Amino acid sequence: MKIVLASRNQHKIAEWQATLGKYIDGVQLLSLDDAGIFEEIEENGKTFEENAFIKARTAAKSGYVSIGEDSGLAVTALDGEPGVYSARYAGGHGNDGANNALLLQKLKGKADRSAKFVCAIACVFPEDMARDVCVRGETEGVILEELRGEGGFGYDPLFLYEPEGKTFAEMNGEEKNAISHRGKAIALLAKELKKINER
């Protein structure tokens, strides 16, 4: 089964291939480039789910079953910020240092530092849109007052997963995938795909 993942990042494709491959035998993940989709995707949805569907529907122009993913951080005391703007919270896209600095600045003096990482994954079937599905994975944690850990990316060094007493940046890949929002969402998606294949 070939599936297009709405990404050009080969590292992400490989990560998805390894994770989804645990659940579905013979699945082959293609990038947007592999599928001949070269247009830029404008993520202008108001929710993670809307953005995931925007990406998946663009990828589905390839004719293959397609997956779009959108994820980010939602902080309770900031009414869900940075939310869908997580990667571009401080302006430029993917400036982790600036995004973390802005988050810490906005949380200064706030007692409630609870937050959750959210991942929405949409799967689109170009032959039969009625089968389209969207799943959501969440992991709850607390935002620290300073960075901890060398691994991960984005807000990982500030996000403390309390049951383990570690930030996402202090975990290895296996530890993080076992409890992460993305790991949970991929597991849910795999269940949905298996159900659809059995119909």
N, C-alpha and C. Protein backbone atom coordinates (compact mmCIF):
# COMPACT_ATOMS: atom_id res chain seq x y z
N MET A 1 0.85 -1.20 0.00
CA MET A 1 0.00 0.00 0.00
C MET A 1 0.88 1.25 0.00
N LYS A 2 0.72 2.08 -1.03
CA LYS A 2 1.49 3.34 -1.10
C LYS A 2 0.64 4.48 -0.54
N ILE A 3 1.26 5.28 0.31
CA ILE A 3 0.60 6.44 0.91
C ILE A 3 1.52 7.64 0.76
N VAL A 4 0.95 8.78 0.37
CA VAL A 4 1.73 10.02 0.27
C VAL A 4 1.60 10.79 1.59
N LEU A 5 2.74 11.13 2.18
CA LEU A 5 2.76 11.99 3.36
C LEU A 5 3.05 13.41 2.89
N ALA A 6 2.21 14.35 3.30
CA ALA A 6 2.34 15.74 2.83
C ALA A 6 3.55 16.41 3.48
N SER A 7 4.73 15.99 3.05
CA SER A 7 5.99 16.52 3.57
C SER A 7 7.07 16.33 2.53
N ARG A 8 8.09 17.18 2.59
CA ARG A 8 9.28 17.00 1.73
C ARG A 8 10.49 16.60 2.57
N ASN A 9 10.27 16.49 3.88
CA ASN A 9 11.34 16.20 4.83
C ASN A 9 11.60 14.68 4.86
N GLN A 10 12.75 14.27 4.31
CA GLN A 10 13.04 12.84 4.22
C GLN A 10 13.21 12.20 5.60
N HIS A 11 13.68 12.97 6.58
CA HIS A 11 13.81 12.45 7.95
C HIS A 11 12.43 12.11 8.50
N LYS A 12 11.47 13.01 8.25
CA LYS A 12 10.10 12.79 8.72
C LYS A 12 9.48 11.58 8.01
N ILE A 13 9.73 11.47 6.70
CA ILE A 13 9.19 10.33 5.92
C ILE A 13 9.72 9.02 6.52
N ALA A 14 11.03 9.00 6.82
CA ALA A 14 11.65 7.78 7.38
C ALA A 14 11.08 7.45 8.75
N GLU A 15 10.84 8.49 9.57
CA GLU A 15 10.29 8.30 10.91
C GLU A 15 8.87 7.71 10.82
N TRP A 16 8.08 8.28 9.91
CA TRP A 16 6.72 7.80 9.69
C TRP A 16 6.74 6.36 9.16
N GLN A 17 7.65 6.10 8.22
CA GLN A 17 7.75 4.76 7.62
C GLN A 17 8.00 3.72 8.72
N ALA A 18 8.93 4.05 9.62
CA ALA A 18 9.28 3.13 10.70
C ALA A 18 8.10 2.93 11.65
N THR A 19 7.41 4.03 11.99
CA THR A 19 6.32 3.95 12.97
C THR A 19 5.08 3.28 12.39
N LEU A 20 4.65 3.74 11.21
CA LEU A 20 3.44 3.18 10.60
C LEU A 20 3.68 1.74 10.16
N GLY A 21 4.92 1.45 9.75
CA GLY A 21 5.30 0.10 9.33
C GLY A 21 5.15 -0.94 10.43
N LYS A 22 5.20 -0.48 11.70
CA LYS A 22 5.01 -1.40 12.83
C LYS A 22 3.58 -1.91 12.88
N TYR A 23 2.65 -1.10 12.37
CA TYR A 23 1.23 -1.42 12.46
C TYR A 23 0.67 -2.02 11.16
N ILE A 24 1.21 -1.57 10.01
CA ILE A 24 0.65 -1.99 8.72
C ILE A 24 1.74 -2.61 7.86
N ASP A 25 1.61 -3.89 7.58
CA ASP A 25 2.61 -4.58 6.76
C ASP A 25 2.58 -4.06 5.33
N GLY A 26 3.78 -3.87 4.77
CA GLY A 26 3.90 -3.53 3.36
C GLY A 26 3.56 -2.09 2.99
N VAL A 27 3.39 -1.22 4.01
CA VAL A 27 3.08 0.17 3.69
C VAL A 27 4.34 0.87 3.18
N GLN A 28 4.17 1.71 2.15
CA GLN A 28 5.30 2.47 1.60
C GLN A 28 4.94 3.95 1.57
N LEU A 29 5.71 4.75 2.31
CA LEU A 29 5.46 6.19 2.40
C LEU A 29 6.20 6.94 1.31
N LEU A 30 5.49 7.80 0.60
CA LEU A 30 6.08 8.65 -0.43
C LEU A 30 6.04 10.10 0.04
N SER A 31 7.05 10.89 -0.35
CA SER A 31 7.03 12.32 -0.07
C SER A 31 6.22 13.04 -1.14
N LEU A 32 5.94 14.32 -0.92
CA LEU A 32 5.26 15.12 -1.96
C LEU A 32 6.05 15.10 -3.26
N ASP A 33 7.39 15.23 -3.13
CA ASP A 33 8.24 15.23 -4.33
C ASP A 33 8.16 13.89 -5.05
N ASP A 34 8.19 12.79 -4.28
CA ASP A 34 8.07 11.45 -4.88
C ASP A 34 6.78 11.33 -5.68
N ALA A 35 5.72 11.97 -5.19
CA ALA A 35 4.40 11.86 -5.81
C ALA A 35 4.16 12.91 -6.89
N GLY A 36 5.16 13.78 -7.14
CA GLY A 36 5.03 14.78 -8.19
C GLY A 36 4.19 15.99 -7.80
N ILE A 37 4.08 16.26 -6.50
CA ILE A 37 3.34 17.44 -6.02
C ILE A 37 4.37 18.48 -5.58
N PHE A 38 4.49 19.57 -6.36
CA PHE A 38 5.55 20.54 -6.08
C PHE A 38 5.02 21.89 -5.60
N GLU A 39 3.70 22.04 -5.52
CA GLU A 39 3.15 23.33 -5.09
C GLU A 39 3.37 23.55 -3.60
N GLU A 40 3.45 24.83 -3.22
CA GLU A 40 3.57 25.17 -1.80
C GLU A 40 2.18 25.04 -1.17
N ILE A 41 2.13 24.52 0.03
CA ILE A 41 0.84 24.35 0.72
C ILE A 41 0.68 25.47 1.74
N GLU A 42 -0.42 26.22 1.60
CA GLU A 42 -0.68 27.32 2.54
C GLU A 42 -1.52 26.80 3.70
N GLU A 43 -0.93 26.79 4.89
CA GLU A 43 -1.64 26.30 6.07
C GLU A 43 -2.41 27.46 6.70
N ASN A 44 -3.65 27.65 6.24
CA ASN A 44 -4.43 28.79 6.75
C ASN A 44 -5.65 28.36 7.54
N GLY A 45 -5.64 27.12 8.03
CA GLY A 45 -6.74 26.65 8.87
C GLY A 45 -6.68 27.26 10.26
N LYS A 46 -7.82 27.22 10.94
CA LYS A 46 -7.89 27.78 12.30
C LYS A 46 -7.65 26.70 13.36
N THR A 47 -7.65 25.43 12.95
CA THR A 47 -7.43 24.34 13.89
C THR A 47 -6.36 23.40 13.31
N PHE A 48 -5.82 22.54 14.17
CA PHE A 48 -4.85 21.55 13.71
C PHE A 48 -5.50 20.63 12.68
N GLU A 49 -6.77 20.27 12.93
CA GLU A 49 -7.49 19.37 12.02
C GLU A 49 -7.66 20.00 10.64
N GLU A 50 -8.03 21.27 10.59
CA GLU A 50 -8.21 21.94 9.30
C GLU A 50 -6.90 21.95 8.52
N ASN A 51 -5.80 22.28 9.18
CA ASN A 51 -4.50 22.30 8.50
C ASN A 51 -4.09 20.91 8.03
N ALA A 52 -4.38 19.89 8.84
CA ALA A 52 -4.04 18.52 8.45
C ALA A 52 -4.79 18.14 7.17
N PHE A 53 -6.07 18.52 7.09
CA PHE A 53 -6.86 18.20 5.89
C PHE A 53 -6.38 19.00 4.68
N ILE A 54 -5.98 20.26 4.88
CA ILE A 54 -5.45 21.07 3.77
C ILE A 54 -4.25 20.36 3.15
N LYS A 55 -3.35 19.88 4.01
CA LYS A 55 -2.14 19.20 3.53
C LYS A 55 -2.49 17.89 2.83
N ALA A 56 -3.37 17.10 3.47
CA ALA A 56 -3.73 15.78 2.93
C ALA A 56 -4.43 15.92 1.58
N ARG A 57 -5.33 16.90 1.45
CA ARG A 57 -6.07 17.06 0.18
C ARG A 57 -5.16 17.51 -0.95
N THR A 58 -4.14 18.32 -0.60
CA THR A 58 -3.16 18.71 -1.63
C THR A 58 -2.39 17.48 -2.09
N ALA A 59 -1.94 16.68 -1.14
CA ALA A 59 -1.18 15.47 -1.47
C ALA A 59 -2.02 14.48 -2.27
N ALA A 60 -3.34 14.47 -2.02
CA ALA A 60 -4.23 13.51 -2.68
C ALA A 60 -4.41 13.80 -4.17
N LYS A 61 -3.95 14.96 -4.62
CA LYS A 61 -3.98 15.26 -6.06
C LYS A 61 -3.11 14.27 -6.83
N SER A 62 -2.26 13.56 -6.10
CA SER A 62 -1.39 12.54 -6.71
C SER A 62 -2.18 11.30 -7.11
N GLY A 63 -3.39 11.17 -6.56
CA GLY A 63 -4.20 9.98 -6.83
C GLY A 63 -4.02 8.89 -5.79
N TYR A 64 -3.04 9.07 -4.91
CA TYR A 64 -2.79 8.08 -3.85
C TYR A 64 -3.53 8.46 -2.56
N VAL A 65 -3.77 7.48 -1.72
CA VAL A 65 -4.22 7.77 -0.35
C VAL A 65 -3.16 8.68 0.26
N SER A 66 -3.60 9.74 0.94
CA SER A 66 -2.65 10.76 1.40
C SER A 66 -2.90 11.16 2.85
N ILE A 67 -1.79 11.51 3.50
CA ILE A 67 -1.83 11.88 4.92
C ILE A 67 -1.27 13.29 5.10
N GLY A 68 -1.97 14.08 5.90
CA GLY A 68 -1.48 15.40 6.31
C GLY A 68 -1.44 15.46 7.82
N GLU A 69 -0.43 16.10 8.36
CA GLU A 69 -0.28 16.18 9.81
C GLU A 69 -0.05 17.63 10.22
N ASP A 70 -0.69 18.04 11.30
CA ASP A 70 -0.38 19.35 11.87
C ASP A 70 -0.31 19.18 13.38
N SER A 71 0.71 19.77 13.97
CA SER A 71 0.88 19.60 15.41
C SER A 71 1.44 20.87 16.02
N GLY A 72 1.31 20.96 17.33
CA GLY A 72 1.82 22.14 18.01
C GLY A 72 1.54 22.08 19.50
N LEU A 73 1.82 23.17 20.15
CA LEU A 73 1.70 23.28 21.60
C LEU A 73 0.52 24.19 21.96
N ALA A 74 -0.27 23.75 22.94
CA ALA A 74 -1.38 24.57 23.44
C ALA A 74 -1.19 24.79 24.93
N VAL A 75 -1.02 26.06 25.33
CA VAL A 75 -0.74 26.39 26.73
C VAL A 75 -2.01 26.95 27.39
N THR A 76 -2.38 26.34 28.51
CA THR A 76 -3.65 26.66 29.18
C THR A 76 -3.76 28.15 29.52
N ALA A 77 -2.74 28.71 30.18
CA ALA A 77 -2.79 30.10 30.66
C ALA A 77 -2.77 31.11 29.51
N LEU A 78 -2.44 30.65 28.31
CA LEU A 78 -2.40 31.55 27.15
C LEU A 78 -3.56 31.27 26.19
N ASP A 79 -4.63 30.68 26.74
CA ASP A 79 -5.83 30.37 25.95
C ASP A 79 -5.52 29.54 24.71
N GLY A 80 -4.60 28.57 24.86
CA GLY A 80 -4.30 27.66 23.75
C GLY A 80 -3.19 28.09 22.83
N GLU A 81 -2.61 29.29 23.09
CA GLU A 81 -1.43 29.70 22.28
C GLU A 81 -0.27 28.77 22.60
N PRO A 82 0.68 28.64 21.68
CA PRO A 82 0.74 29.18 20.32
C PRO A 82 -0.13 28.42 19.31
N GLY A 83 -0.65 27.24 19.66
CA GLY A 83 -1.60 26.54 18.81
C GLY A 83 -1.08 26.31 17.40
N VAL A 84 -1.94 26.62 16.40
CA VAL A 84 -1.56 26.37 15.00
C VAL A 84 -0.40 27.26 14.55
N TYR A 85 -0.05 28.25 15.37
CA TYR A 85 1.09 29.13 15.03
C TYR A 85 2.38 28.68 15.71
N SER A 86 2.40 27.47 16.27
CA SER A 86 3.55 27.01 17.07
C SER A 86 4.89 27.17 16.37
N ALA A 87 4.97 26.81 15.09
CA ALA A 87 6.25 26.87 14.38
C ALA A 87 6.65 28.29 14.01
N ARG A 88 5.67 29.21 14.00
CA ARG A 88 5.95 30.59 13.59
C ARG A 88 5.47 31.59 14.65
N TYR A 89 5.51 31.18 15.90
CA TYR A 89 4.99 31.98 17.01
C TYR A 89 5.66 33.34 17.10
N ALA A 90 6.98 33.36 16.92
CA ALA A 90 7.73 34.61 17.06
C ALA A 90 7.92 35.32 15.71
N GLY A 91 7.25 34.84 14.68
CA GLY A 91 7.37 35.49 13.37
C GLY A 91 7.88 34.55 12.31
N GLY A 92 9.21 34.38 12.25
CA GLY A 92 9.80 33.50 11.23
C GLY A 92 9.44 32.05 11.48
N HIS A 93 9.44 31.23 10.41
CA HIS A 93 9.06 29.82 10.54
C HIS A 93 10.22 28.99 11.11
N GLY A 94 9.92 28.24 12.18
CA GLY A 94 10.89 27.29 12.71
C GLY A 94 12.06 27.86 13.48
N ASN A 95 11.92 29.12 14.00
CA ASN A 95 12.98 29.70 14.82
C ASN A 95 12.75 29.28 16.28
N ASP A 96 13.28 28.10 16.63
CA ASP A 96 13.01 27.51 17.95
C ASP A 96 13.43 28.43 19.10
N GLY A 97 14.59 29.05 18.98
CA GLY A 97 15.09 29.92 20.05
C GLY A 97 14.16 31.08 20.31
N ALA A 98 13.73 31.75 19.24
CA ALA A 98 12.83 32.90 19.38
C ALA A 98 11.46 32.47 19.89
N ASN A 99 10.96 31.34 19.40
CA ASN A 99 9.65 30.85 19.84
C ASN A 99 9.65 30.52 21.33
N ASN A 100 10.71 29.83 21.78
CA ASN A 100 10.81 29.48 23.21
C ASN A 100 10.94 30.72 24.08
N ALA A 101 11.72 31.69 23.61
CA ALA A 101 11.91 32.93 24.37
C ALA A 101 10.59 33.69 24.52
N LEU A 102 9.81 33.74 23.43
CA LEU A 102 8.52 34.43 23.48
C LEU A 102 7.55 33.72 24.42
N LEU A 103 7.55 32.39 24.37
CA LEU A 103 6.68 31.62 25.25
C LEU A 103 7.01 31.88 26.72
N LEU A 104 8.30 31.86 27.05
CA LEU A 104 8.72 32.12 28.44
C LEU A 104 8.34 33.53 28.88
N GLN A 105 8.49 34.47 27.98
CA GLN A 105 8.15 35.87 28.28
C GLN A 105 6.65 35.99 28.59
N LYS A 106 5.81 35.35 27.76
CA LYS A 106 4.36 35.45 27.94
C LYS A 106 3.88 34.72 29.20
N LEU A 107 4.65 33.72 29.65
CA LEU A 107 4.25 32.95 30.83
C LEU A 107 4.81 33.53 32.14
N LYS A 108 5.62 34.57 32.03
CA LYS A 108 6.25 35.15 33.22
C LYS A 108 5.18 35.56 34.24
N GLY A 109 5.36 35.09 35.47
CA GLY A 109 4.43 35.46 36.53
C GLY A 109 3.14 34.67 36.57
N LYS A 110 2.93 33.77 35.62
CA LYS A 110 1.69 32.98 35.60
C LYS A 110 1.89 31.69 36.42
N ALA A 111 0.93 31.42 37.31
CA ALA A 111 1.04 30.25 38.19
C ALA A 111 0.75 28.95 37.43
N ASP A 112 -0.23 29.00 36.52
CA ASP A 112 -0.61 27.80 35.78
C ASP A 112 0.30 27.65 34.56
N ARG A 113 1.12 26.62 34.58
CA ARG A 113 2.05 26.40 33.46
C ARG A 113 1.72 25.09 32.72
N SER A 114 0.49 24.63 32.89
CA SER A 114 0.09 23.38 32.22
C SER A 114 -0.06 23.62 30.71
N ALA A 115 0.23 22.57 29.95
CA ALA A 115 0.17 22.67 28.49
C ALA A 115 -0.02 21.27 27.92
N LYS A 116 -0.31 21.22 26.64
CA LYS A 116 -0.36 19.91 25.97
C LYS A 116 0.17 20.06 24.56
N PHE A 117 0.85 19.01 24.11
CA PHE A 117 1.22 18.89 22.71
C PHE A 117 0.07 18.20 22.01
N VAL A 118 -0.29 18.70 20.83
CA VAL A 118 -1.42 18.16 20.06
C VAL A 118 -0.93 17.78 18.67
N CYS A 119 -1.41 16.65 18.17
CA CYS A 119 -1.11 16.25 16.80
C CYS A 119 -2.40 15.77 16.14
N ALA A 120 -2.78 16.42 15.04
CA ALA A 120 -3.92 15.98 14.24
C ALA A 120 -3.41 15.38 12.95
N ILE A 121 -3.93 14.22 12.58
CA ILE A 121 -3.55 13.57 11.33
C ILE A 121 -4.81 13.29 10.51
N ALA A 122 -4.83 13.81 9.29
CA ALA A 122 -5.94 13.57 8.38
C ALA A 122 -5.49 12.60 7.29
N CYS A 123 -6.38 11.70 6.92
CA CYS A 123 -6.09 10.75 5.85
C CYS A 123 -7.20 10.87 4.81
N VAL A 124 -6.80 11.12 3.57
CA VAL A 124 -7.76 11.37 2.49
C VAL A 124 -7.65 10.26 1.44
N PHE A 125 -8.83 9.76 1.03
CA PHE A 125 -8.91 8.71 0.01
C PHE A 125 -9.47 9.33 -1.27
N PRO A 126 -8.62 9.60 -2.28
CA PRO A 126 -9.09 10.32 -3.46
C PRO A 126 -10.22 9.61 -4.21
N GLU A 127 -10.27 8.27 -4.10
CA GLU A 127 -11.30 7.50 -4.80
C GLU A 127 -12.64 7.54 -4.06
N ASP A 128 -12.60 7.81 -2.76
CA ASP A 128 -13.82 7.71 -1.95
C ASP A 128 -13.71 8.62 -0.73
N MET A 129 -14.09 9.89 -0.92
CA MET A 129 -13.93 10.90 0.13
C MET A 129 -14.72 10.56 1.40
N ALA A 130 -15.74 9.70 1.28
CA ALA A 130 -16.55 9.33 2.45
C ALA A 130 -15.72 8.55 3.46
N ARG A 131 -14.59 8.01 3.02
CA ARG A 131 -13.74 7.23 3.93
C ARG A 131 -12.73 8.10 4.66
N ASP A 132 -12.64 9.40 4.32
CA ASP A 132 -11.66 10.28 4.95
C ASP A 132 -11.77 10.24 6.48
N VAL A 133 -10.61 10.23 7.13
CA VAL A 133 -10.61 10.19 8.60
C VAL A 133 -9.64 11.22 9.16
N CYS A 134 -9.88 11.61 10.41
CA CYS A 134 -8.95 12.49 11.10
C CYS A 134 -8.86 12.02 12.55
N VAL A 135 -7.64 11.90 13.04
CA VAL A 135 -7.42 11.46 14.42
C VAL A 135 -6.59 12.52 15.15
N ARG A 136 -6.63 12.45 16.47
CA ARG A 136 -5.93 13.46 17.28
C ARG A 136 -5.25 12.78 18.46
N GLY A 137 -3.99 13.08 18.65
CA GLY A 137 -3.25 12.59 19.81
C GLY A 137 -2.81 13.76 20.67
N GLU A 138 -2.84 13.59 21.99
CA GLU A 138 -2.44 14.67 22.91
C GLU A 138 -1.56 14.10 24.01
N THR A 139 -0.59 14.91 24.44
CA THR A 139 0.23 14.57 25.60
C THR A 139 0.30 15.79 26.51
N GLU A 140 -0.08 15.59 27.77
CA GLU A 140 -0.11 16.72 28.71
C GLU A 140 1.21 16.85 29.45
N GLY A 141 1.54 18.10 29.77
CA GLY A 141 2.78 18.36 30.49
C GLY A 141 2.76 19.74 31.12
N VAL A 142 3.95 20.20 31.48
CA VAL A 142 4.11 21.50 32.15
C VAL A 142 5.26 22.25 31.48
N ILE A 143 5.11 23.56 31.33
CA ILE A 143 6.18 24.37 30.74
C ILE A 143 7.13 24.84 31.85
N LEU A 144 8.40 24.47 31.70
CA LEU A 144 9.42 24.86 32.68
C LEU A 144 9.80 26.33 32.51
N GLU A 145 10.58 26.84 33.45
CA GLU A 145 11.02 28.23 33.38
C GLU A 145 12.33 28.38 32.63
N GLU A 146 13.00 27.25 32.37
CA GLU A 146 14.24 27.29 31.57
C GLU A 146 14.39 26.00 30.78
N LEU A 147 15.17 26.07 29.72
CA LEU A 147 15.38 24.93 28.83
C LEU A 147 16.12 23.80 29.54
N ARG A 148 15.73 22.55 29.21
CA ARG A 148 16.40 21.37 29.78
C ARG A 148 16.51 20.28 28.72
N GLY A 149 17.73 19.83 28.47
CA GLY A 149 17.92 18.73 27.52
C GLY A 149 18.48 19.19 26.19
N GLU A 150 19.15 18.27 25.52
CA GLU A 150 19.83 18.60 24.26
C GLU A 150 19.12 18.04 23.02
N GLY A 151 18.20 17.12 23.22
CA GLY A 151 17.56 16.46 22.08
C GLY A 151 16.31 17.20 21.61
N GLY A 152 15.60 16.54 20.68
CA GLY A 152 14.32 17.07 20.22
C GLY A 152 14.45 18.37 19.44
N PHE A 153 13.34 19.06 19.33
CA PHE A 153 13.29 20.33 18.59
C PHE A 153 12.09 21.11 19.09
N GLY A 154 11.93 22.31 18.58
CA GLY A 154 10.76 23.12 18.95
C GLY A 154 10.73 23.41 20.45
N TYR A 155 9.59 23.12 21.05
CA TYR A 155 9.38 23.43 22.48
C TYR A 155 9.80 22.26 23.39
N ASP A 156 10.40 21.22 22.82
CA ASP A 156 10.76 20.03 23.60
C ASP A 156 11.57 20.33 24.87
N PRO A 157 12.55 21.27 24.83
CA PRO A 157 13.36 21.51 26.04
C PRO A 157 12.59 22.19 27.18
N LEU A 158 11.41 22.74 26.87
CA LEU A 158 10.60 23.40 27.91
C LEU A 158 9.44 22.53 28.39
N PHE A 159 9.14 21.47 27.65
CA PHE A 159 7.95 20.66 27.93
C PHE A 159 8.29 19.49 28.82
N LEU A 160 7.88 19.57 30.09
CA LEU A 160 8.15 18.51 31.06
C LEU A 160 7.00 17.52 31.08
N TYR A 161 7.35 16.24 30.83
CA TYR A 161 6.37 15.16 30.95
C TYR A 161 6.50 14.62 32.37
N GLU A 162 5.57 15.00 33.22
CA GLU A 162 5.72 14.77 34.67
C GLU A 162 5.85 13.30 35.10
N PRO A 163 5.09 12.36 34.50
CA PRO A 163 5.26 10.96 34.96
C PRO A 163 6.70 10.44 34.84
N GLU A 164 7.45 10.96 33.86
CA GLU A 164 8.84 10.52 33.67
C GLU A 164 9.84 11.48 34.34
N GLY A 165 9.36 12.69 34.68
CA GLY A 165 10.26 13.69 35.25
C GLY A 165 11.29 14.20 34.26
N LYS A 166 10.97 14.07 32.97
CA LYS A 166 11.90 14.49 31.91
C LYS A 166 11.19 15.41 30.92
N THR A 167 11.98 16.31 30.32
CA THR A 167 11.45 17.06 29.19
C THR A 167 11.54 16.15 27.96
N PHE A 168 10.81 16.52 26.90
CA PHE A 168 10.91 15.77 25.65
C PHE A 168 12.34 15.80 25.11
N ALA A 169 13.07 16.88 25.41
CA ALA A 169 14.45 17.02 24.93
C ALA A 169 15.43 16.14 25.71
N GLU A 170 14.98 15.61 26.84
CA GLU A 170 15.84 14.71 27.65
C GLU A 170 15.57 13.24 27.34
N MET A 171 14.59 12.97 26.49
CA MET A 171 14.23 11.59 26.16
C MET A 171 14.92 11.16 24.88
N ASN A 172 15.16 9.85 24.76
CA ASN A 172 15.62 9.35 23.46
C ASN A 172 14.39 9.15 22.57
N GLY A 173 14.62 8.85 21.30
CA GLY A 173 13.53 8.74 20.33
C GLY A 173 12.48 7.72 20.72
N GLU A 174 12.93 6.57 21.23
CA GLU A 174 12.00 5.50 21.61
C GLU A 174 11.12 5.91 22.77
N GLU A 175 11.73 6.56 23.79
CA GLU A 175 10.97 7.02 24.96
C GLU A 175 9.91 8.04 24.54
N LYS A 176 10.34 8.98 23.70
CA LYS A 176 9.43 10.06 23.29
C LYS A 176 8.29 9.51 22.43
N ASN A 177 8.61 8.62 21.47
CA ASN A 177 7.56 8.08 20.59
C ASN A 177 6.52 7.29 21.36
N ALA A 178 6.93 6.68 22.49
CA ALA A 178 6.00 5.86 23.27
C ALA A 178 4.91 6.69 23.94
N ILE A 179 5.19 7.97 24.21
CA ILE A 179 4.20 8.77 24.94
C ILE A 179 3.82 10.06 24.20
N SER A 180 4.42 10.31 23.05
CA SER A 180 4.20 11.60 22.38
C SER A 180 2.84 11.69 21.70
N HIS A 181 2.41 12.91 21.50
CA HIS A 181 1.17 13.22 20.78
C HIS A 181 1.19 12.59 19.38
N ARG A 182 2.34 12.67 18.71
CA ARG A 182 2.44 12.12 17.34
C ARG A 182 2.37 10.60 17.37
N GLY A 183 3.08 9.99 18.31
CA GLY A 183 3.04 8.53 18.44
C GLY A 183 1.62 8.03 18.68
N LYS A 184 0.89 8.72 19.56
CA LYS A 184 -0.50 8.34 19.86
C LYS A 184 -1.38 8.49 18.62
N ALA A 185 -1.21 9.61 17.89
CA ALA A 185 -2.04 9.86 16.72
C ALA A 185 -1.76 8.85 15.61
N ILE A 186 -0.49 8.50 15.41
CA ILE A 186 -0.15 7.51 14.37
C ILE A 186 -0.76 6.15 14.72
N ALA A 187 -0.73 5.78 16.00
CA ALA A 187 -1.34 4.50 16.43
C ALA A 187 -2.84 4.50 16.15
N LEU A 188 -3.50 5.64 16.43
CA LEU A 188 -4.94 5.75 16.16
C LEU A 188 -5.22 5.67 14.66
N LEU A 189 -4.39 6.34 13.87
CA LEU A 189 -4.57 6.31 12.42
C LEU A 189 -4.41 4.89 11.89
N ALA A 190 -3.40 4.18 12.39
CA ALA A 190 -3.17 2.80 11.94
C ALA A 190 -4.40 1.93 12.20
N LYS A 191 -5.04 2.13 13.38
CA LYS A 191 -6.26 1.37 13.69
C LYS A 191 -7.37 1.67 12.69
N GLU A 192 -7.51 2.97 12.36
CA GLU A 192 -8.55 3.38 11.40
C GLU A 192 -8.27 2.78 10.01
N LEU A 193 -7.02 2.82 9.59
CA LEU A 193 -6.67 2.28 8.27
C LEU A 193 -6.92 0.77 8.21
N LYS A 194 -6.63 0.07 9.29
CA LYS A 194 -6.87 -1.38 9.33
C LYS A 194 -8.36 -1.66 9.21
N LYS A 195 -9.18 -0.87 9.94
CA LYS A 195 -10.64 -1.03 9.87
C LYS A 195 -11.14 -0.82 8.44
N ILE A 196 -10.63 0.23 7.80
CA ILE A 196 -11.06 0.57 6.44
C ILE A 196 -10.66 -0.55 5.47
N ASN A 197 -9.45 -1.09 5.63
CA ASN A 197 -8.97 -2.17 4.75
C ASN A 197 -9.77 -3.45 4.92
N GLU A 198 -10.34 -3.62 6.12
CA GLU A 198 -11.09 -4.86 6.38
C GLU A 198 -12.54 -4.79 5.88
N ARG A 199 -12.98 -3.58 5.52
CA ARG A 199 -14.38 -3.44 5.06
C ARG A 199 -14.59 -4.10 3.71
